[in-house]
Amino acid sequence: MDVELLYCAGCPNWHLARERLGQALRATGHPDLEIRLHAVETEHEAQALCFPGSPTIRIGGRDPFPSPAQPHGLTCRVYATPDGLAGAPTVDQLVQALTGTS
C-alpha cells in the first residue's frame, strides 16, 4: 500500500494529518508502513499534481476524500468530519479510507 501526504510548508494542519494517519495505520495493522511526505512548493507544482490543498492524503495514488469544488493550488484544505469542517480527516475516517470501508 502506498500512502502519501502532500502539504504546503506553511499549512498548520499537515502535522495533525500526519499524526492521525500514523494512528490509522497502526489501527489497521500497518504500523511500519512509511508515509511518504511530499512538500508542494510552487503553484506550478500544485497544478501539475492536481493538488487540492494542504494537507492532501493519497492512498494508492487516489485521494479518498475528493471534492470537485476545491481549486488546485497552494491553499489550506478542509475536510467534512462528523464534528463539522476540520483541517484534517478524523482517525476513523482515515481507517475507513485505508480499509476501503465507509
N, C-alpha and C. Protein backbone atom coordinates (compact mmCIF):
# COMPACT_ATOMS: atom_id res chain seq x y z
N MET A 1 0.86 -1.17 0.00
CA MET A 1 0.00 0.00 0.00
C MET A 1 0.91 1.24 0.00
N ASP A 2 0.62 2.16 -0.86
CA ASP A 2 1.37 3.40 -0.99
C ASP A 2 0.56 4.53 -0.33
N VAL A 3 1.14 5.18 0.68
CA VAL A 3 0.46 6.26 1.39
C VAL A 3 1.32 7.51 1.30
N GLU A 4 0.71 8.57 0.80
CA GLU A 4 1.44 9.82 0.59
C GLU A 4 0.68 10.97 1.24
N LEU A 5 1.42 11.88 1.84
CA LEU A 5 0.86 13.09 2.44
C LEU A 5 1.48 14.27 1.73
N LEU A 6 0.68 14.99 0.97
CA LEU A 6 1.13 16.19 0.28
C LEU A 6 0.74 17.40 1.11
N TYR A 7 1.63 18.37 1.20
CA TYR A 7 1.37 19.50 2.07
C TYR A 7 2.13 20.74 1.61
N CYS A 8 1.71 21.88 2.12
CA CYS A 8 2.43 23.15 1.97
C CYS A 8 3.13 23.40 3.30
N ALA A 9 4.36 23.86 3.24
CA ALA A 9 5.14 24.07 4.46
C ALA A 9 4.44 24.99 5.46
N GLY A 10 3.72 25.97 4.99
CA GLY A 10 3.06 26.91 5.89
C GLY A 10 1.71 26.45 6.42
N CYS A 11 1.28 25.29 6.03
CA CYS A 11 -0.03 24.78 6.46
C CYS A 11 0.02 24.35 7.92
N PRO A 12 -0.88 24.86 8.75
CA PRO A 12 -0.87 24.49 10.16
C PRO A 12 -1.47 23.10 10.43
N ASN A 13 -2.09 22.47 9.42
CA ASN A 13 -2.81 21.22 9.65
C ASN A 13 -2.09 19.96 9.19
N TRP A 14 -1.00 20.09 8.46
CA TRP A 14 -0.40 18.88 7.92
C TRP A 14 0.23 18.00 9.00
N HIS A 15 0.71 18.60 10.08
CA HIS A 15 1.28 17.80 11.17
C HIS A 15 0.18 16.96 11.84
N LEU A 16 -1.00 17.55 12.02
CA LEU A 16 -2.13 16.82 12.60
C LEU A 16 -2.55 15.69 11.66
N ALA A 17 -2.59 15.95 10.37
CA ALA A 17 -2.95 14.91 9.41
C ALA A 17 -1.94 13.76 9.45
N ARG A 18 -0.68 14.10 9.56
CA ARG A 18 0.37 13.06 9.63
C ARG A 18 0.21 12.22 10.91
N GLU A 19 -0.05 12.89 12.03
CA GLU A 19 -0.25 12.18 13.30
C GLU A 19 -1.45 11.23 13.21
N ARG A 20 -2.56 11.74 12.71
CA ARG A 20 -3.77 10.92 12.61
C ARG A 20 -3.59 9.77 11.61
N LEU A 21 -2.88 10.03 10.54
CA LEU A 21 -2.62 8.99 9.56
C LEU A 21 -1.77 7.88 10.18
N GLY A 22 -0.79 8.25 10.98
CA GLY A 22 0.01 7.26 11.70
C GLY A 22 -0.84 6.43 12.65
N GLN A 23 -1.77 7.07 13.35
CA GLN A 23 -2.67 6.36 14.26
C GLN A 23 -3.56 5.39 13.47
N ALA A 24 -4.05 5.84 12.32
CA ALA A 24 -4.91 4.99 11.49
C ALA A 24 -4.13 3.80 10.93
N LEU A 25 -2.89 4.02 10.56
CA LEU A 25 -2.06 2.91 10.06
C LEU A 25 -1.82 1.88 11.16
N ARG A 26 -1.57 2.34 12.37
CA ARG A 26 -1.40 1.41 13.48
C ARG A 26 -2.70 0.64 13.75
N ALA A 27 -3.81 1.33 13.70
CA ALA A 27 -5.11 0.71 13.96
C ALA A 27 -5.49 -0.33 12.91
N THR A 28 -4.97 -0.19 11.71
CA THR A 28 -5.28 -1.14 10.63
C THR A 28 -4.20 -2.20 10.46
N GLY A 29 -3.25 -2.25 11.39
CA GLY A 29 -2.24 -3.29 11.34
C GLY A 29 -1.05 -2.99 10.44
N HIS A 30 -0.83 -1.71 10.15
CA HIS A 30 0.29 -1.30 9.29
C HIS A 30 1.19 -0.29 10.01
N PRO A 31 1.66 -0.61 11.22
CA PRO A 31 2.43 0.38 11.98
C PRO A 31 3.77 0.75 11.35
N ASP A 32 4.31 -0.12 10.52
CA ASP A 32 5.62 0.14 9.93
C ASP A 32 5.55 0.73 8.52
N LEU A 33 4.35 0.91 8.02
CA LEU A 33 4.20 1.45 6.67
C LEU A 33 4.66 2.90 6.63
N GLU A 34 5.50 3.21 5.68
CA GLU A 34 6.04 4.57 5.56
C GLU A 34 5.02 5.51 4.93
N ILE A 35 4.89 6.67 5.54
CA ILE A 35 4.08 7.74 4.97
C ILE A 35 5.04 8.61 4.17
N ARG A 36 4.88 8.62 2.86
CA ARG A 36 5.75 9.45 2.02
C ARG A 36 5.28 10.89 2.10
N LEU A 37 6.15 11.77 2.55
CA LEU A 37 5.83 13.19 2.65
C LEU A 37 6.27 13.89 1.38
N HIS A 38 5.40 14.75 0.86
CA HIS A 38 5.70 15.50 -0.36
C HIS A 38 5.33 16.96 -0.14
N ALA A 39 6.35 17.80 -0.01
CA ALA A 39 6.11 19.24 0.14
C ALA A 39 5.84 19.83 -1.24
N VAL A 40 4.70 20.46 -1.39
CA VAL A 40 4.34 21.13 -2.64
C VAL A 40 4.74 22.58 -2.46
N GLU A 41 5.66 23.05 -3.31
CA GLU A 41 6.29 24.34 -3.06
C GLU A 41 5.92 25.46 -4.03
N THR A 42 5.37 25.13 -5.19
CA THR A 42 5.04 26.18 -6.15
C THR A 42 3.63 25.97 -6.71
N GLU A 43 3.05 27.04 -7.20
CA GLU A 43 1.73 26.94 -7.84
C GLU A 43 1.80 26.02 -9.05
N HIS A 44 2.90 26.08 -9.79
CA HIS A 44 3.06 25.22 -10.97
C HIS A 44 3.03 23.74 -10.55
N GLU A 45 3.75 23.41 -9.49
CA GLU A 45 3.77 22.03 -8.99
C GLU A 45 2.38 21.62 -8.50
N ALA A 46 1.69 22.53 -7.82
CA ALA A 46 0.34 22.25 -7.33
C ALA A 46 -0.60 21.92 -8.48
N GLN A 47 -0.52 22.70 -9.54
CA GLN A 47 -1.36 22.46 -10.72
C GLN A 47 -1.01 21.12 -11.35
N ALA A 48 0.28 20.83 -11.50
CA ALA A 48 0.73 19.59 -12.13
C ALA A 48 0.29 18.36 -11.33
N LEU A 49 0.24 18.49 -10.01
CA LEU A 49 -0.16 17.38 -9.14
C LEU A 49 -1.67 17.32 -8.90
N CYS A 50 -2.42 18.27 -9.46
CA CYS A 50 -3.86 18.38 -9.16
C CYS A 50 -4.06 18.41 -7.65
N PHE A 51 -3.27 19.25 -7.02
CA PHE A 51 -3.21 19.37 -5.56
C PHE A 51 -4.36 20.25 -5.06
N PRO A 52 -5.34 19.67 -4.36
CA PRO A 52 -6.49 20.44 -3.91
C PRO A 52 -6.28 21.21 -2.62
N GLY A 53 -5.07 21.20 -2.11
CA GLY A 53 -4.78 21.95 -0.90
C GLY A 53 -4.11 21.09 0.15
N SER A 54 -3.63 21.76 1.17
CA SER A 54 -2.85 21.11 2.21
C SER A 54 -3.67 20.96 3.48
N PRO A 55 -3.64 19.77 4.05
CA PRO A 55 -2.96 18.55 3.63
C PRO A 55 -3.82 17.71 2.70
N THR A 56 -3.18 16.97 1.81
CA THR A 56 -3.87 16.02 0.95
C THR A 56 -3.26 14.65 1.18
N ILE A 57 -4.11 13.68 1.36
CA ILE A 57 -3.67 12.30 1.58
C ILE A 57 -4.04 11.50 0.34
N ARG A 58 -3.08 10.72 -0.14
CA ARG A 58 -3.35 9.82 -1.27
C ARG A 58 -2.96 8.41 -0.86
N ILE A 59 -3.87 7.50 -1.11
CA ILE A 59 -3.66 6.09 -0.80
C ILE A 59 -3.70 5.34 -2.13
N GLY A 60 -2.59 4.72 -2.47
CA GLY A 60 -2.51 4.06 -3.77
C GLY A 60 -2.68 5.05 -4.90
N GLY A 61 -2.23 6.28 -4.69
CA GLY A 61 -2.34 7.33 -5.71
C GLY A 61 -3.70 7.99 -5.82
N ARG A 62 -4.63 7.59 -4.97
CA ARG A 62 -6.01 8.11 -5.03
C ARG A 62 -6.33 8.92 -3.78
N ASP A 63 -7.02 10.02 -3.98
CA ASP A 63 -7.49 10.85 -2.87
C ASP A 63 -8.80 10.25 -2.36
N PRO A 64 -8.81 9.70 -1.13
CA PRO A 64 -10.04 9.09 -0.62
C PRO A 64 -11.09 10.11 -0.17
N PHE A 65 -10.76 11.38 -0.24
CA PHE A 65 -11.69 12.45 0.17
C PHE A 65 -11.83 13.48 -0.94
N PRO A 66 -12.19 13.06 -2.15
CA PRO A 66 -12.23 14.02 -3.26
C PRO A 66 -13.35 15.05 -3.09
N SER A 67 -13.08 16.22 -3.60
CA SER A 67 -14.07 17.29 -3.61
C SER A 67 -13.86 18.09 -4.88
N PRO A 68 -14.75 17.93 -5.85
CA PRO A 68 -14.55 18.62 -7.12
C PRO A 68 -14.61 20.14 -7.02
N ALA A 69 -15.17 20.65 -5.93
CA ALA A 69 -15.30 22.10 -5.80
C ALA A 69 -14.00 22.76 -5.36
N GLN A 70 -13.02 21.97 -4.92
CA GLN A 70 -11.79 22.56 -4.41
C GLN A 70 -10.87 22.95 -5.56
N PRO A 71 -10.31 24.16 -5.49
CA PRO A 71 -9.35 24.58 -6.51
C PRO A 71 -8.03 23.87 -6.30
N HIS A 72 -7.19 23.90 -7.31
CA HIS A 72 -5.86 23.32 -7.20
C HIS A 72 -4.88 24.45 -6.97
N GLY A 73 -4.10 24.35 -5.91
CA GLY A 73 -3.13 25.39 -5.63
C GLY A 73 -2.61 25.32 -4.21
N LEU A 74 -1.77 26.28 -3.89
CA LEU A 74 -1.16 26.35 -2.57
C LEU A 74 -2.15 27.01 -1.61
N THR A 75 -3.00 26.21 -1.06
CA THR A 75 -4.05 26.70 -0.17
C THR A 75 -4.31 25.68 0.92
N CYS A 76 -4.96 26.08 1.97
CA CYS A 76 -5.36 25.13 3.00
C CYS A 76 -6.60 24.38 2.53
N ARG A 77 -6.72 23.19 3.01
CA ARG A 77 -7.85 22.33 2.63
C ARG A 77 -8.67 22.04 3.88
N VAL A 78 -9.96 21.89 3.71
CA VAL A 78 -10.83 21.49 4.82
C VAL A 78 -11.52 20.18 4.47
N TYR A 79 -11.85 19.44 5.52
CA TYR A 79 -12.49 18.14 5.38
C TYR A 79 -13.80 18.15 6.15
N ALA A 80 -14.81 17.52 5.59
CA ALA A 80 -16.08 17.32 6.29
C ALA A 80 -15.89 16.15 7.25
N THR A 81 -16.08 16.41 8.54
CA THR A 81 -15.96 15.35 9.55
C THR A 81 -17.28 15.28 10.31
N PRO A 82 -17.48 14.25 11.12
CA PRO A 82 -18.71 14.17 11.91
C PRO A 82 -18.91 15.37 12.84
N ASP A 83 -17.82 16.06 13.19
CA ASP A 83 -17.91 17.22 14.07
C ASP A 83 -17.93 18.54 13.32
N GLY A 84 -18.04 18.49 12.00
CA GLY A 84 -18.02 19.70 11.18
C GLY A 84 -16.75 19.79 10.37
N LEU A 85 -16.52 20.94 9.75
CA LEU A 85 -15.33 21.12 8.93
C LEU A 85 -14.08 21.17 9.79
N ALA A 86 -13.02 20.53 9.29
CA ALA A 86 -11.76 20.47 10.04
C ALA A 86 -10.59 20.48 9.06
N GLY A 87 -9.42 20.75 9.58
CA GLY A 87 -8.22 20.82 8.75
C GLY A 87 -7.61 19.49 8.40
N ALA A 88 -8.15 18.39 8.95
CA ALA A 88 -7.66 17.05 8.66
C ALA A 88 -8.79 16.06 8.91
N PRO A 89 -8.78 14.93 8.19
CA PRO A 89 -9.78 13.90 8.47
C PRO A 89 -9.57 13.32 9.87
N THR A 90 -10.62 12.73 10.42
CA THR A 90 -10.50 12.07 11.71
C THR A 90 -9.76 10.75 11.54
N VAL A 91 -9.31 10.19 12.65
CA VAL A 91 -8.65 8.88 12.61
C VAL A 91 -9.62 7.85 12.05
N ASP A 92 -10.87 7.89 12.48
CA ASP A 92 -11.87 6.93 11.98
C ASP A 92 -12.07 7.05 10.48
N GLN A 93 -12.12 8.26 9.97
CA GLN A 93 -12.25 8.46 8.52
C GLN A 93 -11.04 7.88 7.78
N LEU A 94 -9.86 8.06 8.36
CA LEU A 94 -8.65 7.53 7.74
C LEU A 94 -8.62 6.01 7.80
N VAL A 95 -9.07 5.41 8.90
CA VAL A 95 -9.17 3.96 9.00
C VAL A 95 -10.10 3.45 7.90
N GLN A 96 -11.24 4.09 7.72
CA GLN A 96 -12.17 3.68 6.66
C GLN A 96 -11.53 3.80 5.28
N ALA A 97 -10.77 4.86 5.06
CA ALA A 97 -10.11 5.05 3.77
C ALA A 97 -9.04 3.97 3.54
N LEU A 98 -8.33 3.62 4.59
CA LEU A 98 -7.28 2.61 4.46
C LEU A 98 -7.83 1.20 4.27
N THR A 99 -9.00 0.93 4.82
CA THR A 99 -9.58 -0.40 4.72
C THR A 99 -10.62 -0.52 3.61
N GLY A 100 -10.94 0.61 2.98
CA GLY A 100 -11.91 0.58 1.89
C GLY A 100 -13.33 0.44 2.36
N THR A 101 -13.58 0.78 3.64
CA THR A 101 -14.96 0.71 4.16
C THR A 101 -15.52 2.11 4.28
N SER A 102 -16.82 2.19 4.36
CA SER A 102 -17.44 3.52 4.53
C SER A 102 -18.51 3.50 5.57
